[in-house]
C-alpha atoms as a PDB file:
ATOM      1  CA  MET A   1     -27.021 -20.494 -22.183  1.00  0.00           C
ATOM      2  CA  GLN A   2     -28.931 -23.149 -24.138  1.00  0.00           C
ATOM      3  CA  LYS A   3     -31.828 -22.855 -21.702  1.00  0.00           C
ATOM      4  CA  GLY A   4     -31.941 -19.070 -22.128  1.00  0.00           C
ATOM      5  CA  LEU A   5     -31.831 -19.471 -25.905  1.00  0.00           C
ATOM      6  CA  THR A   6     -34.732 -21.928 -26.014  1.00  0.00           C
ATOM      7  CA  GLU A   7     -36.820 -19.912 -23.522  1.00  0.00           C
ATOM      8  CA  GLY A   8     -36.059 -16.651 -25.315  1.00  0.00           C
ATOM      9  CA  THR A   9     -34.659 -14.884 -22.258  1.00  0.00           C
ATOM     10  CA  LEU A  10     -31.139 -14.158 -23.569  1.00  0.00           C
ATOM     11  CA  GLY A  11     -32.186 -11.074 -25.507  1.00  0.00           C
ATOM     12  CA  ALA A  12     -34.008  -9.613 -22.508  1.00  0.00           C
ATOM     13  CA  TRP A  13     -30.994 -10.300 -20.278  1.00  0.00           C
ATOM     14  CA  LEU A  14     -28.642  -8.538 -22.702  1.00  0.00           C
ATOM     15  CA  LEU A  15     -31.002  -5.574 -23.108  1.00  0.00           C
ATOM     16  CA  GLU A  16     -31.264  -5.288 -19.335  1.00  0.00           C
ATOM     17  CA  ARG A  17     -27.460  -5.187 -19.025  1.00  0.00           C
ATOM     18  CA  HIS A  18     -26.925  -2.896 -22.043  1.00  0.00           C
ATOM     19  CA  PRO A  19     -30.099  -0.896 -22.798  1.00  0.00           C
ATOM     20  CA  SER A  20     -28.860   1.148 -25.755  1.00  0.00           C
ATOM     21  CA  ALA A  21     -26.367   1.255 -28.600  1.00  0.00           C
ATOM     22  CA  HIS A  22     -23.527   3.745 -28.851  1.00  0.00           C
ATOM     23  CA  THR A  23     -23.323   6.735 -31.191  1.00  0.00           C
ATOM     24  CA  VAL A  24     -19.959   5.961 -32.837  1.00  0.00           C
ATOM     25  CA  ARG A  25     -20.972   5.633 -36.496  1.00  0.00           C
ATOM     26  CA  THR A  26     -18.128   7.007 -38.624  1.00  0.00           C
ATOM     27  CA  ASP A  27     -14.510   5.988 -39.058  1.00  0.00           C
ATOM     28  CA  LYS A  28     -13.420   9.399 -37.801  1.00  0.00           C
ATOM     29  CA  THR A  29     -15.269   9.076 -34.488  1.00  0.00           C
ATOM     30  CA  LEU A  30     -14.092   5.462 -34.181  1.00  0.00           C
ATOM     31  CA  TYR A  31     -10.490   6.624 -34.659  1.00  0.00           C
ATOM     32  CA  SER A  32     -10.784   9.207 -31.878  1.00  0.00           C
ATOM     33  CA  PHE A  33     -12.541   6.676 -29.611  1.00  0.00           C
ATOM     34  CA  VAL A  34      -9.747   4.112 -30.047  1.00  0.00           C
ATOM     35  CA  GLN A  35      -7.049   6.805 -29.857  1.00  0.00           C
ATOM     36  CA  ASP A  36      -8.420   7.964 -26.479  1.00  0.00           C
ATOM     37  CA  ILE A  37      -8.188   4.407 -25.121  1.00  0.00           C
ATOM     38  CA  LYS A  38      -4.661   4.052 -26.511  1.00  0.00           C
ATOM     39  CA  ASN A  39      -3.525   7.374 -25.038  1.00  0.00           C
ATOM     40  CA  SER A  40      -4.862   6.510 -21.607  1.00  0.00           C
ATOM     41  CA  CYS A  41      -3.451   2.961 -21.431  1.00  0.00           C
ATOM     42  CA  LEU A  42      -0.710   2.424 -24.037  1.00  0.00           C
ATOM     43  CA  ARG A  43       1.194   5.680 -24.334  1.00  0.00           C
ATOM     44  CA  GLY A  44       4.498   4.044 -25.314  1.00  0.00           C
ATOM     45  CA  THR A  45       3.303   2.177 -28.413  1.00  0.00           C
ATOM     46  CA  GLU A  46       3.602   3.294 -32.002  1.00  0.00           C
ATOM     47  CA  PRO A  47       0.922   5.693 -33.244  1.00  0.00           C
ATOM     48  CA  LEU A  48      -2.200   4.464 -34.986  1.00  0.00           C
ATOM     49  CA  SER A  49      -2.356   5.363 -38.641  1.00  0.00           C
ATOM     50  CA  ARG A  50      -5.885   4.158 -39.325  1.00  0.00           C
ATOM     51  CA  VAL A  51      -8.941   2.820 -37.508  1.00  0.00           C
ATOM     52  CA  MET A  52     -12.059   1.937 -39.455  1.00  0.00           C
ATOM     53  CA  PHE A  53     -15.230  -0.104 -39.613  1.00  0.00           C
ATOM     54  CA  ASP A  54     -15.010  -2.894 -42.200  1.00  0.00           C
ATOM     55  CA  ASN A  55     -18.142  -4.333 -43.866  1.00  0.00           C
ATOM     56  CA  LYS A  56     -16.395  -7.464 -45.141  1.00  0.00           C
ATOM     57  CA  LEU A  57     -14.414  -8.362 -42.059  1.00  0.00           C
ATOM     58  CA  GLN A  58     -16.634 -10.944 -40.404  1.00  0.00           C
ATOM     59  CA  ILE A  59     -17.406 -12.683 -43.704  1.00  0.00           C
ATOM     60  CA  VAL A  60     -13.863 -12.834 -45.085  1.00  0.00           C
ATOM     61  CA  ALA A  61     -11.644 -13.283 -42.044  1.00  0.00           C
ATOM     62  CA  HIS A  62     -14.180 -14.831 -39.637  1.00  0.00           C
ATOM     63  CA  ALA A  63     -13.021 -12.204 -37.163  1.00  0.00           C
ATOM     64  CA  LEU A  64     -14.579  -9.295 -35.336  1.00  0.00           C
ATOM     65  CA  GLY A  65     -11.511  -7.113 -35.569  1.00  0.00           C
ATOM     66  CA  THR A  66      -8.040  -7.189 -37.069  1.00  0.00           C
ATOM     67  CA  HIS A  67      -4.802  -5.379 -36.484  1.00  0.00           C
ATOM     68  CA  THR A  68      -2.155  -5.041 -39.161  1.00  0.00           C
ATOM     69  CA  THR A  69       1.301  -3.602 -39.377  1.00  0.00           C
ATOM     70  CA  VAL A  70       2.485  -2.470 -42.783  1.00  0.00           C
ATOM     71  CA  ALA A  71       6.234  -1.894 -43.074  1.00  0.00           C
ATOM     72  CA  ARG A  72       7.502   0.517 -45.707  1.00  0.00           C
ATOM     73  CA  VAL A  73      11.011   1.541 -46.638  1.00  0.00           C
ATOM     74  CA  GLN A  74      11.528   5.287 -46.723  1.00  0.00           C
ATOM     75  CA  GLY A  75      15.101   6.023 -47.713  1.00  0.00           C
ATOM     76  CA  THR A  76      17.317   4.173 -45.245  1.00  0.00           C
ATOM     77  CA  ARG A  77      14.585   3.816 -42.626  1.00  0.00           C
ATOM     78  CA  LEU A  78      11.897   1.225 -42.158  1.00  0.00           C
ATOM     79  CA  LYS A  79       8.567   2.803 -41.144  1.00  0.00           C
ATOM     80  CA  ALA A  80       5.659   0.799 -39.787  1.00  0.00           C
ATOM     81  CA  LYS A  81       2.025   1.836 -39.970  1.00  0.00           C
ATOM     82  CA  ARG A  82      -0.482   0.367 -37.533  1.00  0.00           C
ATOM     83  CA  GLU A  83      -4.052  -0.205 -38.641  1.00  0.00           C
ATOM     84  CA  ILE A  84      -7.127  -1.536 -36.825  1.00  0.00           C
ATOM     85  CA  ARG A  85     -10.269  -2.717 -38.597  1.00  0.00           C
ATOM     86  CA  ILE A  86     -13.423  -3.457 -36.645  1.00  0.00           C
ATOM     87  CA  ALA A  87     -16.388  -5.356 -38.069  1.00  0.00           C
ATOM     88  CA  SER A  88     -19.334  -3.138 -39.016  1.00  0.00           C
ATOM     89  CA  LEU A  89     -21.463  -5.306 -36.746  1.00  0.00           C
ATOM     90  CA  PHE A  90     -20.138  -3.142 -33.896  1.00  0.00           C
ATOM     91  CA  LYS A  91     -21.869  -0.031 -35.248  1.00  0.00           C
ATOM     92  CA  ASP A  92     -25.065  -1.365 -33.674  1.00  0.00           C
ATOM     93  CA  THR A  93     -23.882  -2.631 -30.310  1.00  0.00           C
ATOM     94  CA  PRO A  94     -23.489  -1.125 -26.847  1.00  0.00           C
ATOM     95  CA  LEU A  95     -20.437   1.030 -26.205  1.00  0.00           C
ATOM     96  CA  ALA A  96     -19.054  -1.625 -23.841  1.00  0.00           C
ATOM     97  CA  PHE A  97     -18.845  -4.168 -26.701  1.00  0.00           C
ATOM     98  CA  LEU A  98     -17.095  -1.668 -28.975  1.00  0.00           C
ATOM     99  CA  ARG A  99     -14.660  -0.801 -26.205  1.00  0.00           C
ATOM    100  CA  MET A 100     -13.972  -4.491 -25.553  1.00  0.00           C
ATOM    101  CA  ILE A 101     -13.065  -5.196 -29.199  1.00  0.00           C
ATOM    102  CA  ALA A 102     -10.980  -2.002 -29.411  1.00  0.00           C
ATOM    103  CA  VAL A 103      -9.091  -2.989 -26.250  1.00  0.00           C
ATOM    104  CA  HIS A 104      -8.526  -6.469 -27.693  1.00  0.00           C
ATOM    105  CA  GLU A 105      -7.023  -5.110 -30.909  1.00  0.00           C
ATOM    106  CA  LEU A 106      -4.935  -2.505 -29.070  1.00  0.00           C
ATOM    107  CA  ALA A 107      -3.532  -5.214 -26.787  1.00  0.00           C
ATOM    108  CA  HIS A 108      -2.101  -6.917 -29.885  1.00  0.00           C
ATOM    109  CA  PHE A 109       0.216  -3.922 -30.304  1.00  0.00           C
ATOM    110  CA  LYS A 110       2.176  -5.092 -27.252  1.00  0.00           C
ATOM    111  CA  GLU A 111       1.355  -8.807 -27.117  1.00  0.00           C
ATOM    112  CA  ARG A 112       0.998 -10.762 -30.352  1.00  0.00           C
ATOM    113  CA  ALA A 113      -0.305 -14.082 -29.015  1.00  0.00           C
ATOM    114  CA  HIS A 114      -3.456 -14.749 -27.010  1.00  0.00           C
ATOM    115  CA  ASP A 115      -1.570 -15.766 -23.897  1.00  0.00           C
ATOM    116  CA  ARG A 116      -1.693 -14.866 -20.230  1.00  0.00           C
ATOM    117  CA  ALA A 117       0.180 -11.568 -20.673  1.00  0.00           C
ATOM    118  CA  PHE A 118      -2.225 -10.585 -23.465  1.00  0.00           C
ATOM    119  CA  TYR A 119      -5.324 -11.097 -21.324  1.00  0.00           C
ATOM    120  CA  GLN A 120      -3.697  -9.345 -18.352  1.00  0.00           C
ATOM    121  CA  LEU A 121      -3.136  -6.333 -20.594  1.00  0.00           C
ATOM    122  CA  CYS A 122      -6.770  -6.501 -21.767  1.00  0.00           C
ATOM    123  CA  THR A 123      -8.051  -6.529 -18.179  1.00  0.00           C
ATOM    124  CA  TYR A 124      -5.699  -3.652 -17.316  1.00  0.00           C
ATOM    125  CA  MET A 125      -7.277  -1.537 -20.074  1.00  0.00           C
ATOM    126  CA  GLU A 126     -10.842  -2.785 -19.459  1.00  0.00           C
ATOM    127  CA  PRO A 127     -11.385  -4.370 -16.001  1.00  0.00           C
ATOM    128  CA  ASP A 128     -14.652  -6.081 -17.132  1.00  0.00           C
ATOM    129  CA  TYR A 129     -13.019  -7.480 -20.285  1.00  0.00           C
ATOM    130  CA  HIS A 130     -13.845 -11.158 -19.652  1.00  0.00           C
ATOM    131  CA  GLN A 131     -17.478 -10.459 -18.724  1.00  0.00           C
ATOM    132  CA  LEU A 132     -17.918  -8.271 -21.806  1.00  0.00           C
ATOM    133  CA  GLU A 133     -16.341 -10.922 -24.016  1.00  0.00           C
ATOM    134  CA  PHE A 134     -18.786 -13.479 -22.610  1.00  0.00           C
ATOM    135  CA  GLU A 135     -21.764 -11.171 -23.176  1.00  0.00           C
ATOM    136  CA  LEU A 136     -20.604 -10.488 -26.729  1.00  0.00           C
ATOM    137  CA  ARG A 137     -20.381 -14.222 -27.393  1.00  0.00           C
ATOM    138  CA  VAL A 138     -23.909 -14.620 -25.999  1.00  0.00           C
ATOM    139  CA  TYR A 139     -25.098 -11.871 -28.356  1.00  0.00           C
ATOM    140  CA  LEU A 140     -23.368 -13.459 -31.364  1.00  0.00           C
ATOM    141  CA  THR A 141     -24.900 -16.841 -30.491  1.00  0.00           C
ATOM    142  CA  LEU A 142     -28.340 -15.213 -30.214  1.00  0.00           C
ATOM    143  CA  MET A 143     -27.873 -13.476 -33.577  1.00  0.00           C
ATOM    144  CA  GLU A 144     -26.791 -16.715 -35.236  1.00  0.00           C
ATOM    145  CA  ALA A 145     -29.697 -18.690 -33.783  1.00  0.00           C
ATOM    146  CA  THR A 146     -32.483 -16.152 -34.321  1.00  0.00           C
ATOM    147  CA  GLY A 147     -31.118 -13.628 -36.807  1.00  0.00           C
ATOM    148  CA  GLN A 148     -32.270 -10.936 -34.370  1.00  0.00           C
ATOM    149  CA  ARG A 149     -30.234  -7.757 -33.781  1.00  0.00           C
ATOM    150  CA  LEU A 150     -31.106  -6.355 -30.394  1.00  0.00           C
ATOM    151  CA  TRP A 151     -29.939  -2.806 -30.918  1.00  0.00           C
ATOM    152  CA  GLY A 152     -31.288  -2.235 -34.436  1.00  0.00           C
ATOM    153  CA  THR A 153     -29.453  -1.682 -37.668  1.00  0.00           C
ATOM    154  CA  THR A 154     -27.412   1.267 -38.848  1.00  0.00           C
ATOM    155  CA  GLU A 155     -29.814   2.019 -41.682  1.00  0.00           C
ATOM    156  CA  THR A 156     -32.750   2.574 -39.331  1.00  0.00           C
ATOM    157  CA  SER A 157     -30.878   4.381 -36.579  1.00  0.00           C
ATOM    158  CA  VAL A 158     -29.253   7.075 -38.704  1.00  0.00           C
ATOM    159  CA  GLU A 159     -31.620   9.838 -39.739  1.00  0.00           C
ATOM    160  CA  PRO A 160     -31.065  11.669 -43.018  1.00  0.00           C
ATOM    161  CA  PRO A 161     -29.916  15.262 -42.610  1.00  0.00           C
ATOM    162  CA  ALA A 162     -32.664  17.863 -42.690  1.00  0.00           C
ATOM    163  CA  LEU A 163     -32.745  20.098 -45.732  1.00  0.00           C
ATOM    164  CA  GLN A 164     -31.823  23.656 -44.924  1.00  0.00           C
ATOM    165  CA  PRO A 165     -32.783  26.647 -47.070  1.00  0.00           C
ATOM    166  CA  PRO A 166     -29.769  28.420 -48.544  1.00  0.00           C
ATOM    167  CA  ALA A 167     -28.355  31.193 -46.394  1.00  0.00           C
ATOM    168  CA  ARG A 168     -29.154  34.722 -47.506  1.00  0.00           C
ATOM    169  CA  LEU A 169     -26.395  37.188 -48.032  1.00  0.00           C
ATOM    170  CA  THR A 170     -26.772  40.435 -46.165  1.00  0.00           C
ATOM    171  CA  VAL A 171     -24.924  43.545 -47.241  1.00  0.00           C
END
């Protein structure tokens, strides 16, 4: 990897493997994306209450995603809410990287620790999990070394909505 970094070939290799970024930009579309993965692989787990992109996540927690469980007492029952936060960095990555981090956080719903059972669950949900994790680490190393984002930034990839004339009322 060091050789590819010094020769400048890592970025080209990543772009060859993942030519474009995904279109998941809002928390609502992220929630449905993660919910679809959960419904197809982890039907028996508690429901997700919230999934969102978090601007401060990588800076504060030094993490790319977090999962939390908030327990609340409602009458005589204890209710738990599950929440996943994914670093905003993933708004401008390939869909495979977003899926990999979503699978990782969903796997924590069944397995708390990063042990063998955890990684078996990750590879059950995403068969290329380990390769994608490696490629993501390569991308993060490239970003740290060069400051270069291969798939652009959110500000440049989202176009402002076109202005529409007001609709006319017909009687």
